[in-house]
Every structure is written in C-alpha cells, then in structure tokens.
Amino acid sequence: MTCVFCNIVEGKIPAKLVLDEPELLAFRDINPVAPTHVLVIPKRHIATLAELTEAEAAIIGKMFLAARRVAEMENVVARGFRTVINAGPDAGQTVFHVHLHVIAGRRMAWPPG
C-alpha cells in the first residue's frame, strides 16, 4: 500500500503547499474543519506517533515550530490555534504517516471529539 503523504512529498500528488522545508512539508487539508486547516508532515515516513523512536523525536519538535510559523503566516496567533496529532484508528488517524493538524479561524469546543 502506498502512502498518500509520501506521494505528496514526492510530487506525485498535488497539494496546496504552505511550507516546504528540508525535513518538513505543510499543506492545506483537503477536508478542512476550519478556515485554517493545514497539515504539517515529516518528509520521511513515520507511520504513527506510537512508533516514534528517540532517533525521530527531534522531528516532532520541528513540526510544532513549523505549526507556529503556519499560524503566524495565517495571522491566527493572536486569536489562537489548535494543534492535533491523532495516533491510531481509535484516535481518528486515517492516513498512517505522522501529521500535525494546525486548525484555526473559528472558536473551538472542548472537549474535542
């Protein structure tokens, strides 16, 4: 089975890019749940947060720094933004390539889900 996000990284599937960095890519979600809904992914395939190793830990920090940059670019920092990583099917992960949702532009409810 091929990974849709790996295909986006390789340019085989088009995406509306927001950031393209050496280790990360950020692009608009095709099914947004808010006016701003961007996915931040590592270019290297990691299936799920549950499989993260010490060797890959730094990439998660870089993903959150990229999320902050996306929020700045989208002018949503002052009002607030939500970051979400789903890990596994019961958490709602549907694409098994680690990805961080950056969601903003509307009032969020708590608890989610």
Protein backbone atom coordinates (compact mmCIF):
# COMPACT_ATOMS: atom_id res chain seq x y z
CA MET A 1 0.00 0.00 0.00
CA THR A 2 1.39 3.38 -0.93
CA CYS A 3 1.28 6.34 1.45
CA VAL A 4 -0.66 9.34 0.15
CA PHE A 5 1.52 11.77 2.13
CA CYS A 6 4.72 10.18 0.78
CA ASN A 7 3.26 10.69 -2.70
CA ILE A 8 2.68 14.36 -1.88
CA VAL A 9 6.29 14.67 -0.67
CA GLU A 10 7.47 13.07 -3.93
CA GLY A 11 5.29 15.41 -6.01
CA LYS A 12 3.16 12.56 -7.38
CA ILE A 13 0.01 14.04 -5.83
CA PRO A 14 -0.55 17.81 -5.92
CA ALA A 15 -1.10 19.74 -2.71
CA LYS A 16 -1.54 23.40 -1.79
CA LEU A 17 1.80 23.93 -0.08
CA VAL A 18 2.18 26.34 2.79
CA LEU A 19 5.76 25.44 3.81
CA ASP A 20 8.44 23.36 2.14
CA GLU A 21 11.47 22.83 4.35
CA PRO A 22 14.31 20.29 4.17
CA GLU A 23 12.67 17.87 6.63
CA LEU A 24 9.04 19.03 6.63
CA LEU A 25 6.17 19.87 4.38
CA ALA A 26 2.99 21.77 5.29
CA PHE A 27 -0.07 21.85 3.07
CA ARG A 28 -3.78 22.63 3.23
CA ASP A 29 -6.08 19.81 4.31
CA ILE A 30 -8.42 18.71 1.51
CA ASN A 31 -11.28 18.35 4.02
CA PRO A 32 -10.84 21.40 6.27
CA VAL A 33 -12.75 21.61 9.55
CA ALA A 34 -11.97 25.33 9.98
CA PRO A 35 -10.96 28.30 7.81
CA THR A 36 -7.32 27.45 8.55
CA HIS A 37 -6.57 23.72 8.43
CA VAL A 38 -3.00 22.86 7.50
CA LEU A 39 -1.18 19.56 7.89
CA VAL A 40 2.49 19.50 8.86
CA ILE A 41 4.31 16.27 8.00
CA PRO A 42 7.86 14.96 8.12
CA LYS A 43 9.18 14.20 4.65
CA ARG A 44 10.50 10.91 5.97
CA HIS A 45 7.79 8.32 6.54
CA ILE A 46 6.85 7.59 10.16
CA ALA A 47 3.55 5.73 10.26
CA THR A 48 2.24 6.84 13.64
CA LEU A 49 3.27 8.63 16.79
CA ALA A 50 3.02 5.27 18.55
CA GLU A 51 6.04 4.10 16.52
CA LEU A 52 8.21 7.15 17.25
CA THR A 53 11.75 6.37 18.42
CA GLU A 54 14.36 8.50 20.20
CA ALA A 55 16.11 8.94 16.85
CA GLU A 56 12.98 10.58 15.43
CA ALA A 57 11.99 12.68 18.45
CA ALA A 58 13.53 15.91 17.16
CA ILE A 59 11.31 15.93 14.09
CA ILE A 60 8.21 16.26 16.30
CA GLY A 61 9.63 19.43 17.85
CA LYS A 62 10.36 20.77 14.37
CA MET A 63 6.77 20.01 13.37
CA PHE A 64 5.47 22.16 16.25
CA LEU A 65 7.83 25.00 15.33
CA ALA A 66 6.51 24.76 11.77
CA ALA A 67 2.95 24.85 13.16
CA ARG A 68 3.76 28.13 14.89
CA ARG A 69 5.14 29.52 11.60
CA VAL A 70 1.97 28.42 9.80
CA ALA A 71 -0.15 30.16 12.47
CA GLU A 72 1.91 33.32 12.02
CA MET A 73 1.54 33.16 8.23
CA GLU A 74 -2.22 32.67 8.59
CA ASN A 75 -2.48 35.57 11.08
CA VAL A 76 -4.20 33.41 13.71
CA VAL A 77 -1.68 33.58 16.57
CA ALA A 78 -3.47 36.36 18.48
CA ARG A 79 -6.87 34.62 18.42
CA GLY A 80 -5.43 31.13 18.94
CA PHE A 81 -4.93 27.91 17.06
CA ARG A 82 -5.19 24.21 17.83
CA THR A 83 -2.61 21.54 17.08
CA VAL A 84 -3.61 17.88 16.95
CA ILE A 85 -1.78 14.62 16.25
CA ASN A 86 -4.01 11.56 16.03
CA ALA A 87 -2.26 8.25 16.77
CA GLY A 88 -4.09 5.14 15.65
CA PRO A 89 -7.54 4.36 14.31
CA ASP A 90 -9.47 4.94 17.57
CA ALA A 91 -7.94 8.43 17.77
CA GLY A 92 -9.10 9.20 14.24
CA GLN A 93 -5.86 8.67 12.32
CA THR A 94 -6.85 7.83 8.75
CA VAL A 95 -3.54 8.42 6.96
CA PHE A 96 -0.74 6.41 8.52
CA HIS A 97 2.05 8.98 8.11
CA VAL A 98 2.54 11.16 11.19
CA HIS A 99 0.88 14.54 10.66
CA LEU A 100 0.14 17.55 12.81
CA HIS A 101 -3.12 19.41 12.18
CA VAL A 102 -2.99 23.20 12.58
CA ILE A 103 -6.59 24.34 12.95
CA ALA A 104 -7.81 27.92 13.45
CA GLY A 105 -10.13 30.66 12.30
CA ARG A 106 -13.15 29.68 14.37
CA ARG A 107 -13.97 29.12 18.02
CA MET A 108 -13.05 25.61 19.16
CA ALA A 109 -15.04 23.49 21.60
CA TRP A 110 -13.71 21.38 24.45
CA PRO A 111 -13.58 18.50 24.84
CA PRO A 112 -12.87 17.62 21.21
CA GLY A 113 -14.27 14.50 19.55
